[in-house]
Every structure is written in structure tokens, then in C-alpha cells.
N, C-alpha and C. Protein backbone atom coordinates (compact mmCIF):
# COMPACT_ATOMS: atom_id res chain seq x y z
N MET A 1 48.62 -33.30 42.98
CA MET A 1 48.55 -32.83 44.80
C MET A 1 50.25 -32.65 45.67
N ASN A 2 50.44 -31.68 45.97
CA ASN A 2 51.83 -31.64 46.09
C ASN A 2 51.75 -32.28 47.36
N ASP A 3 52.98 -32.57 48.33
CA ASP A 3 53.73 -33.04 49.43
C ASP A 3 53.01 -32.26 50.10
N PHE A 4 52.90 -31.01 50.43
CA PHE A 4 52.22 -30.20 51.50
C PHE A 4 50.41 -30.77 51.65
N GLN A 5 50.17 -31.15 50.30
CA GLN A 5 48.34 -31.09 50.75
C GLN A 5 48.58 -32.50 50.97
N ASN A 6 49.21 -33.47 50.82
CA ASN A 6 49.43 -35.27 51.42
C ASN A 6 49.19 -34.78 52.33
N ASN A 7 50.13 -34.04 53.43
CA ASN A 7 50.52 -33.95 54.44
C ASN A 7 49.57 -33.76 55.17
N GLU A 8 48.76 -32.70 54.63
CA GLU A 8 47.55 -32.24 55.31
C GLU A 8 46.68 -33.36 55.37
N LEU A 9 46.17 -34.39 54.06
CA LEU A 9 45.35 -34.76 54.41
C LEU A 9 45.67 -36.25 54.91
N SER A 10 46.94 -36.60 55.48
CA SER A 10 47.35 -37.67 56.21
C SER A 10 47.28 -37.32 57.70
N ILE A 11 47.23 -36.00 58.24
CA ILE A 11 47.10 -35.47 59.28
C ILE A 11 45.24 -35.61 59.73
N GLU A 12 44.87 -35.16 59.09
CA GLU A 12 43.39 -35.41 59.38
C GLU A 12 42.90 -36.86 59.19
N ASN A 13 43.39 -37.90 58.24
CA ASN A 13 43.16 -39.39 58.34
C ASN A 13 43.77 -39.88 59.74
N LYS A 14 44.69 -39.57 60.26
CA LYS A 14 45.47 -39.90 61.53
C LYS A 14 44.55 -39.57 62.14
N ILE A 15 44.04 -38.45 62.63
CA ILE A 15 42.96 -38.16 63.72
C ILE A 15 41.58 -38.88 63.45
N THR A 16 41.65 -39.02 62.24
CA THR A 16 39.99 -39.53 62.23
C THR A 16 40.33 -41.57 62.45
N ASN A 17 41.38 -41.74 62.31
CA ASN A 17 41.94 -42.96 62.41
C ASN A 17 41.81 -43.01 63.99
N ALA A 18 42.17 -42.60 64.50
CA ALA A 18 42.24 -42.16 65.90
C ALA A 18 41.26 -41.97 66.83
N LEU A 19 40.35 -41.22 66.14
CA LEU A 19 38.69 -41.03 66.63
C LEU A 19 38.12 -42.53 66.15
N PHE A 20 38.08 -43.38 65.02
CA PHE A 20 37.61 -44.35 64.74
C PHE A 20 38.40 -45.80 66.29
N TYR A 21 39.56 -45.58 66.02
CA TYR A 21 39.61 -46.43 67.36
C TYR A 21 39.43 -46.38 68.66
N PHE A 22 39.45 -45.08 68.81
CA PHE A 22 38.83 -45.03 70.39
C PHE A 22 37.40 -45.38 70.74
N LEU A 23 36.73 -44.78 69.64
CA LEU A 23 34.98 -45.62 69.33
C LEU A 23 34.97 -46.93 69.25
N ASN A 24 36.05 -47.73 69.30
CA ASN A 24 35.58 -48.95 68.79
C ASN A 24 36.15 -49.51 70.79
N ASN A 25 36.70 -48.74 71.21
CA ASN A 25 36.78 -49.51 72.96
C ASN A 25 36.21 -48.55 74.14
N LYS A 26 35.63 -46.75 73.51
CA LYS A 26 35.05 -46.55 74.50
C LYS A 26 33.76 -45.57 73.70
N LYS A 27 33.00 -44.94 74.76
CA LYS A 27 31.79 -44.55 74.49
C LYS A 27 32.38 -43.00 74.30
N TYR A 28 31.25 -41.97 73.59
CA TYR A 28 31.41 -41.25 73.20
C TYR A 28 32.28 -40.43 74.56
N GLY A 29 31.39 -40.01 75.34
CA GLY A 29 31.93 -38.90 76.45
C GLY A 29 33.47 -39.53 77.13
N GLU A 30 33.83 -40.58 76.85
CA GLU A 30 34.86 -41.12 77.21
C GLU A 30 36.01 -40.68 76.54
N ILE A 31 36.01 -40.12 75.47
CA ILE A 31 37.03 -40.23 74.18
C ILE A 31 37.77 -38.45 74.50
N TYR A 32 38.98 -38.10 74.86
CA TYR A 32 39.07 -37.05 74.80
C TYR A 32 40.07 -36.44 73.68
N ILE A 33 40.59 -35.27 73.03
CA ILE A 33 41.23 -34.69 72.44
C ILE A 33 42.68 -35.48 72.60
N LYS A 34 43.01 -34.99 73.86
CA LYS A 34 44.71 -35.46 74.30
C LYS A 34 44.77 -36.96 74.21
N ASP A 35 43.61 -37.70 74.16
CA ASP A 35 43.86 -39.36 73.95
C ASP A 35 44.25 -39.40 72.30
N ILE A 36 43.13 -38.76 71.36
CA ILE A 36 43.09 -38.40 69.97
C ILE A 36 44.44 -38.29 69.51
N CYS A 37 44.97 -37.09 70.38
CA CYS A 37 46.29 -36.80 69.63
C CYS A 37 47.40 -37.85 70.23
N GLU A 38 47.39 -38.28 71.15
CA GLU A 38 48.23 -39.46 71.62
C GLU A 38 48.27 -40.10 70.52
N LYS A 39 47.04 -40.70 70.10
CA LYS A 39 47.22 -42.12 69.23
C LYS A 39 47.82 -41.35 67.86
N ALA A 40 47.24 -40.59 67.27
CA ALA A 40 47.01 -39.72 65.99
C ALA A 40 48.91 -39.14 66.15
N ASN A 41 49.39 -38.81 66.99
CA ASN A 41 50.99 -38.44 67.08
C ASN A 41 50.85 -37.67 66.88
N ILE A 42 50.11 -36.73 67.33
CA ILE A 42 50.10 -35.16 66.77
C ILE A 42 50.17 -33.69 67.93
N ASN A 43 50.50 -32.71 67.99
CA ASN A 43 50.13 -32.06 69.13
C ASN A 43 48.87 -31.40 69.00
N ARG A 44 48.58 -31.41 70.03
CA ARG A 44 46.80 -30.84 70.70
C ARG A 44 46.60 -29.24 69.39
N SER A 45 47.93 -28.14 69.26
CA SER A 45 47.23 -27.33 68.39
C SER A 45 47.35 -27.52 66.65
N ILE A 46 47.63 -28.90 66.06
CA ILE A 46 47.82 -29.43 65.39
C ILE A 46 46.12 -30.05 65.49
N PHE A 47 45.49 -30.56 65.93
CA PHE A 47 44.36 -30.81 66.42
C PHE A 47 43.52 -29.49 65.87
N TYR A 48 43.91 -28.51 66.82
CA TYR A 48 42.49 -27.21 66.68
C TYR A 48 43.04 -26.64 65.43
N LYS A 49 44.18 -26.98 64.88
CA LYS A 49 44.29 -26.63 63.36
C LYS A 49 42.80 -26.80 62.50
N TYR A 50 42.24 -28.41 62.64
CA TYR A 50 41.58 -28.58 61.89
C TYR A 50 40.20 -28.40 62.33
N TYR A 51 40.28 -29.17 63.68
CA TYR A 51 39.02 -28.92 64.41
C TYR A 51 38.86 -28.17 65.34
N HIS A 52 37.47 -28.00 65.60
CA HIS A 52 37.24 -26.62 67.32
C HIS A 52 37.06 -27.43 68.13
N ASN A 53 36.73 -28.73 68.46
CA ASN A 53 36.48 -29.32 69.39
C ASN A 53 35.82 -30.82 68.94
N ILE A 54 35.84 -31.93 69.83
CA ILE A 54 35.33 -33.19 69.67
C ILE A 54 34.08 -33.44 68.60
N ASN A 55 33.02 -32.39 68.80
CA ASN A 55 32.16 -32.12 68.36
C ASN A 55 32.27 -31.74 67.15
N ASP A 56 32.96 -30.71 66.61
CA ASP A 56 33.26 -30.43 65.28
C ASP A 56 33.87 -31.67 64.36
N LEU A 57 34.89 -32.54 65.17
CA LEU A 57 35.23 -33.57 64.76
C LEU A 57 34.45 -34.80 64.41
N PHE A 58 33.37 -34.60 65.22
CA PHE A 58 32.02 -35.60 64.75
C PHE A 58 31.48 -34.99 63.51
N ILE A 59 31.16 -33.35 63.64
CA ILE A 59 30.38 -33.20 62.29
C ILE A 59 31.07 -33.80 61.02
N LYS A 60 32.21 -33.02 60.81
CA LYS A 60 33.19 -33.01 59.75
C LYS A 60 33.48 -34.78 59.76
N THR A 61 34.04 -35.79 60.40
CA THR A 61 33.42 -36.91 59.96
C THR A 61 32.58 -37.37 59.40
N GLU A 62 31.30 -37.18 59.83
CA GLU A 62 30.19 -37.56 59.55
C GLU A 62 29.83 -36.88 57.92
N GLN A 63 30.25 -35.46 57.62
CA GLN A 63 30.16 -34.92 56.79
C GLN A 63 31.13 -36.27 55.67
N LYS A 64 31.86 -36.27 55.87
CA LYS A 64 32.90 -37.18 54.95
C LYS A 64 32.60 -38.49 54.47
N LEU A 65 31.86 -39.33 55.79
CA LEU A 65 31.05 -40.59 55.15
C LEU A 65 29.93 -40.28 54.59
N ASP A 66 29.46 -39.30 55.16
CA ASP A 66 28.30 -39.30 53.85
C ASP A 66 28.83 -38.69 52.75
N ASN A 67 29.69 -37.62 52.49
CA ASN A 67 29.47 -37.53 50.96
C ASN A 67 30.38 -39.20 50.38
N GLU A 68 31.06 -39.84 50.79
CA GLU A 68 31.25 -41.08 50.23
C GLU A 68 30.42 -42.08 50.09
N LEU A 69 29.24 -42.07 50.89
CA LEU A 69 27.84 -43.03 50.95
C LEU A 69 27.15 -42.53 49.82
N ILE A 70 27.01 -41.51 49.55
CA ILE A 70 26.20 -40.57 48.66
C ILE A 70 26.93 -41.13 47.32
N GLU A 71 28.29 -40.76 46.96
CA GLU A 71 28.99 -41.36 46.27
C GLU A 71 28.50 -42.58 45.46
N MET A 72 28.44 -43.41 46.47
CA MET A 72 28.40 -44.76 46.48
C MET A 72 26.59 -44.80 45.96
N LEU A 73 25.93 -44.25 46.53
CA LEU A 73 24.30 -44.49 46.37
C LEU A 73 23.91 -43.95 44.90
N ASN A 74 24.95 -42.78 44.23
CA ASN A 74 24.46 -42.15 43.51
C ASN A 74 25.22 -42.99 42.05
N LYS A 75 24.69 -44.17 42.03
CA LYS A 75 24.42 -45.31 40.92
C LYS A 75 23.56 -45.27 40.57
N ASN A 76 23.60 -46.94 39.51
CA ASN A 76 22.79 -47.67 39.30
C ASN A 76 21.77 -47.95 39.80
N LEU A 77 22.40 -48.70 40.94
CA LEU A 77 21.91 -49.43 42.54
C LEU A 77 21.65 -50.65 41.79
N GLY A 78 22.25 -51.49 41.71
CA GLY A 78 21.83 -52.50 41.47
C GLY A 78 22.59 -53.17 42.80
N LEU A 79 22.22 -54.88 43.19
CA LEU A 79 22.18 -55.41 44.34
C LEU A 79 23.24 -55.03 44.62
N ASP A 80 24.21 -55.02 44.29
CA ASP A 80 25.73 -55.34 44.71
C ASP A 80 26.18 -53.70 45.12
N ASP A 81 25.71 -52.67 44.57
CA ASP A 81 25.92 -51.43 45.05
C ASP A 81 25.10 -51.50 46.37
N ILE A 82 24.06 -51.81 46.60
CA ILE A 82 23.42 -51.71 48.03
C ILE A 82 23.82 -52.34 48.95
N THR A 83 24.44 -53.47 48.73
CA THR A 83 25.37 -54.30 49.61
C THR A 83 26.55 -53.31 49.93
N GLN A 84 27.08 -52.89 49.04
CA GLN A 84 28.37 -52.50 49.59
C GLN A 84 28.22 -50.79 49.78
N ALA A 85 26.68 -50.52 50.08
CA ALA A 85 26.91 -49.50 50.89
C ALA A 85 26.76 -49.94 52.35
N PHE A 86 25.88 -50.82 52.57
CA PHE A 86 25.53 -51.62 53.59
C PHE A 86 26.58 -51.86 54.65
N LYS A 87 27.72 -52.47 53.63
CA LYS A 87 28.79 -52.62 54.06
C LYS A 87 29.88 -51.51 54.56
N PHE A 88 29.89 -50.23 54.00
CA PHE A 88 30.61 -49.25 54.59
C PHE A 88 29.78 -49.18 55.66
N ILE A 89 28.44 -48.23 56.20
CA ILE A 89 27.79 -48.44 57.15
C ILE A 89 28.55 -49.40 58.15
N TYR A 90 28.40 -50.51 57.74
CA TYR A 90 28.81 -51.84 59.05
C TYR A 90 30.20 -51.49 59.28
N LYS A 91 31.12 -51.29 58.39
CA LYS A 91 32.32 -50.71 58.27
C LYS A 91 32.63 -49.56 59.33
N HIS A 92 31.61 -48.61 59.40
CA HIS A 92 31.86 -47.52 60.42
C HIS A 92 30.53 -47.80 61.40
N LYS A 93 30.31 -48.95 61.98
CA LYS A 93 29.48 -48.84 62.82
C LYS A 93 29.54 -48.57 64.17
N SER A 94 30.69 -48.51 64.82
CA SER A 94 31.29 -47.84 65.54
C SER A 94 31.10 -46.07 65.93
N PHE A 95 31.17 -45.73 64.93
CA PHE A 95 30.76 -44.13 64.46
C PHE A 95 29.60 -43.88 64.24
N TYR A 96 28.76 -44.48 63.76
CA TYR A 96 27.41 -44.10 63.81
C TYR A 96 26.66 -44.63 64.70
N GLU A 97 26.92 -45.48 65.68
CA GLU A 97 26.34 -45.90 66.69
C GLU A 97 26.47 -44.57 68.05
N ALA A 98 28.15 -43.90 67.75
CA ALA A 98 28.64 -43.01 68.74
C ALA A 98 27.82 -41.77 68.41
N PHE A 99 27.28 -41.75 67.08
CA PHE A 99 26.77 -40.44 66.50
C PHE A 99 25.45 -40.14 66.55
N TYR A 100 24.71 -41.56 66.74
CA TYR A 100 23.68 -41.10 66.88
C TYR A 100 23.00 -41.51 68.43
N LEU A 101 23.99 -41.70 68.90
CA LEU A 101 23.78 -41.99 70.82
C LEU A 101 24.09 -40.47 71.56
N ILE A 102 24.82 -40.03 70.96
CA ILE A 102 25.49 -39.00 71.83
C ILE A 102 24.63 -38.31 72.53
N ASN A 103 25.12 -37.77 73.63
CA ASN A 103 24.09 -36.98 74.78
C ASN A 103 23.55 -35.95 74.39
N PHE A 104 22.76 -35.26 75.17
CA PHE A 104 21.45 -34.14 74.22
C PHE A 104 22.17 -32.97 74.10
N ASP A 105 23.21 -32.57 74.93
CA ASP A 105 24.06 -31.49 75.22
C ASP A 105 24.54 -31.29 73.48
N SER A 106 25.43 -32.54 73.45
CA SER A 106 26.56 -32.47 72.15
C SER A 106 25.69 -32.96 71.16
N TYR A 107 24.70 -33.26 71.29
CA TYR A 107 23.89 -33.82 70.15
C TYR A 107 22.90 -32.49 69.62
N HIS A 108 22.82 -31.30 70.24
CA HIS A 108 22.13 -29.90 69.94
C HIS A 108 23.36 -29.54 69.37
N GLU A 109 24.51 -29.06 69.60
CA GLU A 109 25.46 -28.43 69.51
C GLU A 109 25.92 -29.08 67.93
N ILE A 110 26.14 -30.34 67.70
CA ILE A 110 26.46 -31.15 66.71
C ILE A 110 24.96 -30.86 65.65
N GLY A 111 24.09 -31.00 66.17
CA GLY A 111 22.98 -30.61 65.14
C GLY A 111 23.10 -29.26 64.45
N LEU A 112 23.02 -28.24 65.47
CA LEU A 112 23.18 -26.78 64.88
C LEU A 112 24.40 -26.84 64.08
N ASN A 113 25.75 -26.85 64.30
CA ASN A 113 26.53 -27.04 63.32
C ASN A 113 26.49 -27.72 62.02
N PHE A 114 26.32 -29.20 62.65
CA PHE A 114 25.69 -30.04 61.27
C PHE A 114 24.92 -29.49 59.83
N HIS A 115 23.65 -28.83 60.36
CA HIS A 115 23.20 -28.49 59.28
C HIS A 115 23.67 -26.75 58.91
N SER A 116 24.41 -26.14 59.90
CA SER A 116 24.89 -24.51 59.14
C SER A 116 26.15 -25.03 57.97
N GLN A 117 27.01 -26.34 58.67
CA GLN A 117 28.18 -26.38 57.85
C GLN A 117 28.05 -27.26 56.73
N ASN A 118 26.54 -28.04 56.61
CA ASN A 118 26.88 -28.94 55.99
C ASN A 118 26.48 -28.75 54.42
N LYS A 119 27.73 -29.21 53.50
CA LYS A 119 28.11 -28.65 52.03
C LYS A 119 27.48 -29.62 51.19
N LEU A 120 26.67 -30.87 51.63
CA LEU A 120 26.56 -31.41 50.56
C LEU A 120 25.79 -30.90 49.29
N ASN A 121 26.54 -31.48 48.24
CA ASN A 121 25.40 -31.14 47.19
C ASN A 121 24.67 -31.95 46.27
N TYR A 122 23.55 -31.67 46.29
CA TYR A 122 22.54 -32.91 45.43
C TYR A 122 21.84 -32.12 44.64
N SER A 123 22.48 -30.93 44.02
CA SER A 123 21.91 -30.67 42.83
C SER A 123 21.76 -31.25 41.59
N SER A 124 22.87 -32.00 41.47
CA SER A 124 23.43 -33.04 40.53
C SER A 124 22.59 -34.22 40.37
N ILE A 125 22.18 -34.52 41.66
CA ILE A 125 21.40 -35.73 42.11
C ILE A 125 20.05 -35.86 41.58
N PRO A 126 19.27 -36.64 40.85
CA PRO A 126 17.69 -36.65 40.01
C PRO A 126 17.12 -37.24 41.78
N TYR A 127 16.22 -36.65 41.58
CA TYR A 127 14.72 -36.65 42.70
C TYR A 127 14.97 -37.84 43.11
N GLU A 128 14.70 -38.75 42.24
CA GLU A 128 14.42 -40.31 42.90
C GLU A 128 15.67 -40.53 43.61
N LYS A 129 16.64 -40.65 43.31
CA LYS A 129 18.13 -40.93 44.29
C LYS A 129 18.18 -39.96 45.44
N ILE A 130 17.80 -38.66 45.63
CA ILE A 130 17.21 -37.74 46.78
C ILE A 130 16.45 -38.88 47.49
N PHE A 131 15.39 -38.70 47.12
CA PHE A 131 14.40 -39.70 48.00
C PHE A 131 15.12 -41.04 48.32
N PHE A 132 15.70 -41.67 47.41
CA PHE A 132 16.30 -43.61 47.71
C PHE A 132 17.36 -42.95 49.11
N ILE A 133 18.18 -42.15 48.68
CA ILE A 133 19.33 -41.76 49.37
C ILE A 133 18.70 -41.46 51.31
N GLY A 134 17.74 -40.83 50.94
CA GLY A 134 16.92 -39.92 52.44
C GLY A 134 16.76 -41.29 53.09
N GLY A 135 15.97 -42.42 52.10
CA GLY A 135 15.18 -43.17 52.78
C GLY A 135 16.94 -44.55 53.33
N PHE A 136 17.42 -44.52 52.67
CA PHE A 136 18.43 -45.32 53.02
C PHE A 136 19.08 -45.35 54.30
N LYS A 137 19.45 -43.23 54.21
CA LYS A 137 19.99 -43.15 55.77
C LYS A 137 19.30 -43.48 56.82
N THR A 138 17.85 -43.15 56.61
CA THR A 138 17.14 -43.60 57.82
C THR A 138 16.86 -45.04 58.12
N LEU A 139 16.80 -45.69 57.15
CA LEU A 139 16.93 -47.25 57.58
C LEU A 139 18.16 -47.72 57.96
N ALA A 140 19.44 -47.32 57.20
CA ALA A 140 20.38 -47.84 57.81
C ALA A 140 20.44 -46.89 59.24
N LYS A 141 20.09 -46.06 59.63
CA LYS A 141 20.23 -45.66 61.31
C LYS A 141 19.22 -46.71 62.18
N GLN A 142 18.51 -46.66 61.42
CA GLN A 142 17.80 -47.87 62.42
C GLN A 142 18.54 -48.86 62.47
N TRP A 143 19.17 -49.55 61.37
CA TRP A 143 19.33 -50.44 61.40
C TRP A 143 20.91 -50.93 62.42
N VAL A 144 21.59 -50.01 62.36
CA VAL A 144 22.34 -49.39 63.43
C VAL A 144 22.33 -49.51 64.94
N LEU A 145 21.16 -48.93 65.02
CA LEU A 145 20.28 -48.76 66.69
C LEU A 145 19.71 -49.79 66.99
N PHE A 146 19.42 -51.14 66.44
CA PHE A 146 19.12 -51.57 66.54
C PHE A 146 19.92 -53.15 66.61
N GLY A 147 21.52 -52.62 66.60
CA GLY A 147 22.33 -53.50 66.88
C GLY A 147 22.98 -54.68 65.46
N CYS A 148 22.93 -53.90 63.83
CA CYS A 148 23.12 -54.78 63.06
C CYS A 148 22.85 -56.06 63.16
N LYS A 149 21.75 -56.59 63.65
CA LYS A 149 21.65 -58.03 63.27
C LYS A 149 21.02 -58.54 62.18
N GLU A 150 20.91 -58.02 60.76
CA GLU A 150 21.04 -58.56 59.63
C GLU A 150 22.27 -58.33 59.16
N THR A 151 22.97 -58.97 58.21
CA THR A 151 23.84 -59.05 57.51
C THR A 151 23.86 -57.71 56.47
N PRO A 152 24.71 -57.38 56.34
CA PRO A 152 24.66 -56.33 54.65
C PRO A 152 23.99 -56.61 53.71
N GLU A 153 24.41 -57.84 53.44
CA GLU A 153 23.67 -58.47 52.14
C GLU A 153 22.19 -58.42 52.51
N GLU A 154 22.17 -58.80 53.33
CA GLU A 154 20.24 -59.02 54.15
C GLU A 154 19.96 -58.23 54.04
N MET A 155 19.93 -56.85 54.38
CA MET A 155 19.63 -55.49 54.27
C MET A 155 19.61 -55.27 53.00
N ALA A 156 20.36 -55.40 52.12
CA ALA A 156 20.61 -54.84 51.10
C ALA A 156 19.16 -55.85 49.84
N LYS A 157 19.27 -57.03 50.36
CA LYS A 157 17.93 -57.67 49.45
C LYS A 157 16.63 -57.51 50.07
N ILE A 158 16.34 -56.56 51.29
CA ILE A 158 15.35 -56.01 51.54
C ILE A 158 15.14 -54.59 50.47
N ILE A 159 15.84 -54.25 50.78
CA ILE A 159 15.70 -52.91 49.93
C ILE A 159 15.28 -53.59 47.99
N TYR A 160 16.00 -54.48 47.82
CA TYR A 160 15.89 -54.52 46.25
C TYR A 160 15.22 -55.58 45.71
N LYS A 161 14.74 -55.92 46.65
CA LYS A 161 13.19 -56.65 46.22
C LYS A 161 12.21 -55.99 46.58
N ASN A 162 12.22 -54.76 47.10
CA ASN A 162 10.66 -54.08 47.86
C ASN A 162 11.14 -52.33 47.10
N HIS A 163 12.13 -52.79 46.15
CA HIS A 163 11.72 -51.15 45.48
C HIS A 163 12.57 -51.29 44.06
N ASN A 164 11.65 -50.99 43.30
CA ASN A 164 12.28 -50.79 41.28
C ASN A 164 13.18 -49.37 41.75
N ILE A 165 14.32 -49.44 41.52
CA ILE A 165 15.13 -48.38 41.92
C ILE A 165 15.78 -47.65 40.23
């Protein structure tokens, strides 16, 4: 990877890190591109080079997180693997809370764009893993929406003891 590509990645990471920072301190509707740009120390034109608007930032961030999660779950899936996946969700809890609780108009735009832009490639994943990943993501969503009352370890044990993966 050359320096230009490294710089490109670091700009996207700065933007994403700024988003995560604000999600820990504000609600989705209170986060503005201006704030993200200031926190990431970039110009608005740089933001718009990567994202159309705040919803596009959410879509692309969710896709990035989803790809990382799928990579984690496309393994042998021992108790430690499942625990790590729940820890990943917990680490990004504020993002997932906002993503799942976005107001209706934004959610509609995000939903339409997400499904048209979703480039996840499941073709190399066996059906039973696709089934597990779908179930895991649904369970993780409920866990986040219920406030993550159980620890990641407890959630992993619930799945692991009840399913032969």
C-alpha cells in the first residue's frame, strides 16, 4: 500500500472515529457534518469526497463493521470466537444503538441506500454459517436495544450451549 492509500484510509478512519466520539456524547439527530469535520480536523469538502451526507456515513460505517463481524463469525465458532464477536458489538454499542434507533425518515433513506449499496459477499460462506450469522446479528440487535444487560461472555454462552455450530 502506498502513502496515498494510507492517507486515504487515515482520513476515513478520522471521520469514523469522530462519528464514534459523538455517538458516545450525542444522539444521532444532534450530530452534524460540521462537528465531525472539526473533530476529524478536515475540511467539509474532504468529508464530501467520501460521503454524500450523514446517512451515507452511517451506511458505510455499518457495512465496514458488518464485514468485520462476518469475518469473525466465518470461523469454527468456538466459545471464544462468539465471545469476541459480542465484545466487538459491545465496543461499538453506541453506533449500533444509534443505527437501530434512527428516526423514521433517516432510517428509510438508510434502508434504501443500504440495500442498494450492500456489497457483502456471502457466496464463499456455507449456508449453515449464513444462517448463524443472520441469527447472531438479530440477537445482537435485540441485546443492544435492551441495553446490553448481559455481558458478552454471558451472551456467547447462551448461544454456544444451545446450538451445535
